[in-house]
Amino acid sequence: QVQLVESGGGLVQPGGSLRLSCAASGSIFSINGMGWFRQAPGKEREFVGLISWSDTRTYYADFVKGRFTISRDAAKNTVYLQMANLQPEDTADYYCAANLVGPAWSPKKYNYWGQGTQVTVSS
């Protein structure tokens, strides 16, 4: 099994930046990729981006528009979501998730989830 612990959420002004962390533990060797998802009030959980565990290739949803960057610190078994130029519409609960099979865009295909961290973008 894989355990994911998220941190870094909070309140930020429009145009501000925030870095979310997702620390993985347990069966790290079984992780194929790590995804980031978000869920705003009244909306379904949506794909933000992912990073391949082996080669660190990244893929992003269109709405990111170059504002977000996913990275990995292998020594710490931690994945980061660096968010810049945040806007009110980015307000949501953000989740990291581990996929044990392969690259996936659907949250239904992820095996383990972090507890979520809230990001609020407001003046």
Protein backbone atom coordinates (compact mmCIF):
# COMPACT_ATOMS: atom_id res chain seq x y z
CA GLN A 1 0.00 0.00 0.00
CA VAL A 2 0.93 3.63 -0.47
CA GLN A 3 0.28 6.45 1.93
CA LEU A 4 0.11 10.03 0.72
CA VAL A 5 0.25 13.05 2.98
CA GLU A 6 -0.45 16.47 1.54
CA SER A 7 0.47 19.90 2.82
CA GLY A 8 0.92 23.46 1.63
CA GLY A 9 -2.62 24.64 1.07
CA GLY A 10 -3.91 27.92 2.32
CA LEU A 11 -5.22 31.34 1.42
CA VAL A 12 -3.52 33.34 -1.31
CA GLN A 13 -4.35 36.52 -3.19
CA PRO A 14 -5.06 36.50 -6.93
CA GLY A 15 -1.79 36.43 -8.82
CA GLY A 16 -0.03 34.79 -5.93
CA SER A 17 1.84 31.52 -5.75
CA LEU A 18 1.58 28.42 -3.65
CA ARG A 19 3.42 25.12 -3.50
CA LEU A 20 1.66 21.94 -2.51
CA SER A 21 3.57 18.92 -1.29
CA CYS A 22 2.65 15.25 -1.40
CA ALA A 23 4.87 12.91 0.57
CA ALA A 24 4.61 9.24 -0.33
CA SER A 25 5.45 6.31 1.89
CA GLY A 26 4.91 2.57 1.87
CA SER A 27 5.29 0.62 -1.37
CA ILE A 28 7.03 3.39 -3.28
CA PHE A 29 8.45 0.90 -5.75
CA SER A 30 4.96 0.14 -7.02
CA ILE A 31 4.14 3.72 -8.03
CA ASN A 32 3.94 4.32 -11.76
CA GLY A 33 2.86 7.93 -11.64
CA MET A 34 1.55 10.63 -9.37
CA GLY A 35 -1.40 12.78 -10.29
CA TRP A 36 -2.82 16.01 -8.98
CA PHE A 37 -6.56 16.60 -8.99
CA ARG A 38 -8.82 19.29 -7.65
CA GLN A 39 -12.44 19.57 -6.68
CA ALA A 40 -14.29 22.84 -6.31
CA PRO A 41 -17.58 23.15 -4.44
CA GLY A 42 -20.42 21.75 -6.52
CA LYS A 43 -18.09 20.39 -9.19
CA GLU A 44 -16.63 17.01 -10.02
CA ARG A 45 -13.04 16.15 -9.31
CA GLU A 46 -10.89 17.15 -12.27
CA PHE A 47 -7.43 16.33 -13.51
CA VAL A 48 -4.74 18.95 -12.95
CA GLY A 49 -1.57 17.17 -14.01
CA LEU A 50 0.65 14.18 -13.48
CA ILE A 51 4.25 13.17 -13.28
CA SER A 52 5.78 9.86 -14.25
CA TRP A 53 7.58 8.36 -11.28
CA SER A 54 10.37 6.85 -13.34
CA ASP A 55 11.34 9.56 -15.83
CA THR A 56 9.60 12.60 -14.29
CA ARG A 57 7.75 13.44 -17.50
CA THR A 58 4.84 15.73 -16.78
CA TYR A 59 1.44 16.30 -18.33
CA TYR A 60 -1.04 19.05 -17.56
CA ALA A 61 -4.66 19.93 -18.06
CA ASP A 62 -5.33 22.73 -20.54
CA PHE A 63 -6.60 25.13 -17.90
CA VAL A 64 -3.18 25.18 -16.27
CA LYS A 65 -1.86 27.30 -19.17
CA GLY A 66 1.73 27.09 -18.01
CA ARG A 67 0.96 28.37 -14.51
CA PHE A 68 1.49 25.09 -12.67
CA THR A 69 4.57 22.92 -12.47
CA ILE A 70 4.80 19.40 -11.10
CA SER A 71 8.13 18.15 -9.84
CA ARG A 72 9.53 15.32 -7.77
CA ASP A 73 12.17 15.04 -5.10
CA ALA A 74 13.20 11.40 -5.30
CA ALA A 75 15.25 11.52 -2.11
CA LYS A 76 12.21 12.66 -0.14
CA ASN A 77 9.66 10.61 -2.10
CA THR A 78 7.75 13.83 -2.45
CA VAL A 79 5.87 15.34 -5.37
CA TYR A 80 5.19 19.04 -5.60
CA LEU A 81 2.61 21.14 -7.34
CA GLN A 82 3.98 24.64 -7.79
CA MET A 83 1.16 27.00 -8.64
CA ALA A 84 1.71 30.53 -9.90
CA ASN A 85 -0.61 33.34 -10.96
CA LEU A 86 -3.44 31.78 -9.02
CA GLN A 87 -6.94 32.98 -9.77
CA PRO A 88 -10.21 32.74 -7.84
CA GLU A 89 -11.36 29.94 -10.12
CA ASP A 90 -8.45 27.87 -8.86
CA THR A 91 -10.09 27.70 -5.45
CA ALA A 92 -10.64 24.04 -4.66
CA ASP A 93 -9.54 21.12 -2.58
CA TYR A 94 -6.40 19.71 -4.15
CA TYR A 95 -5.54 16.02 -4.00
CA CYS A 96 -2.52 14.02 -4.95
CA ALA A 97 -2.96 10.43 -6.03
CA ALA A 98 -0.79 7.45 -6.87
CA ASN A 99 -1.32 5.30 -9.92
CA LEU A 100 0.13 1.80 -9.92
CA VAL A 101 -0.70 0.86 -13.53
CA GLY A 102 0.19 3.67 -15.90
CA PRO A 103 -0.52 7.24 -17.00
CA ALA A 104 -4.14 8.14 -16.43
CA TRP A 105 -6.30 11.23 -16.61
CA SER A 106 -9.32 9.85 -14.78
CA PRO A 107 -9.43 9.91 -10.98
CA LYS A 108 -11.13 6.51 -11.14
CA LYS A 109 -7.88 4.95 -12.30
CA TYR A 110 -5.84 6.06 -9.30
CA ASN A 111 -5.28 3.66 -6.46
CA TYR A 112 -4.30 5.79 -3.50
CA TRP A 113 -5.19 9.31 -2.48
CA GLY A 114 -3.94 11.98 -0.17
CA GLN A 115 -6.24 13.59 2.34
CA GLY A 116 -6.55 16.76 0.31
CA THR A 117 -5.45 20.30 1.01
CA GLN A 118 -7.58 23.39 0.55
CA VAL A 119 -6.49 26.22 -1.72
CA THR A 120 -8.43 29.45 -1.53
CA VAL A 121 -7.67 32.32 -3.89
CA SER A 122 -9.32 35.51 -2.77
CA SER A 123 -8.66 39.21 -2.27
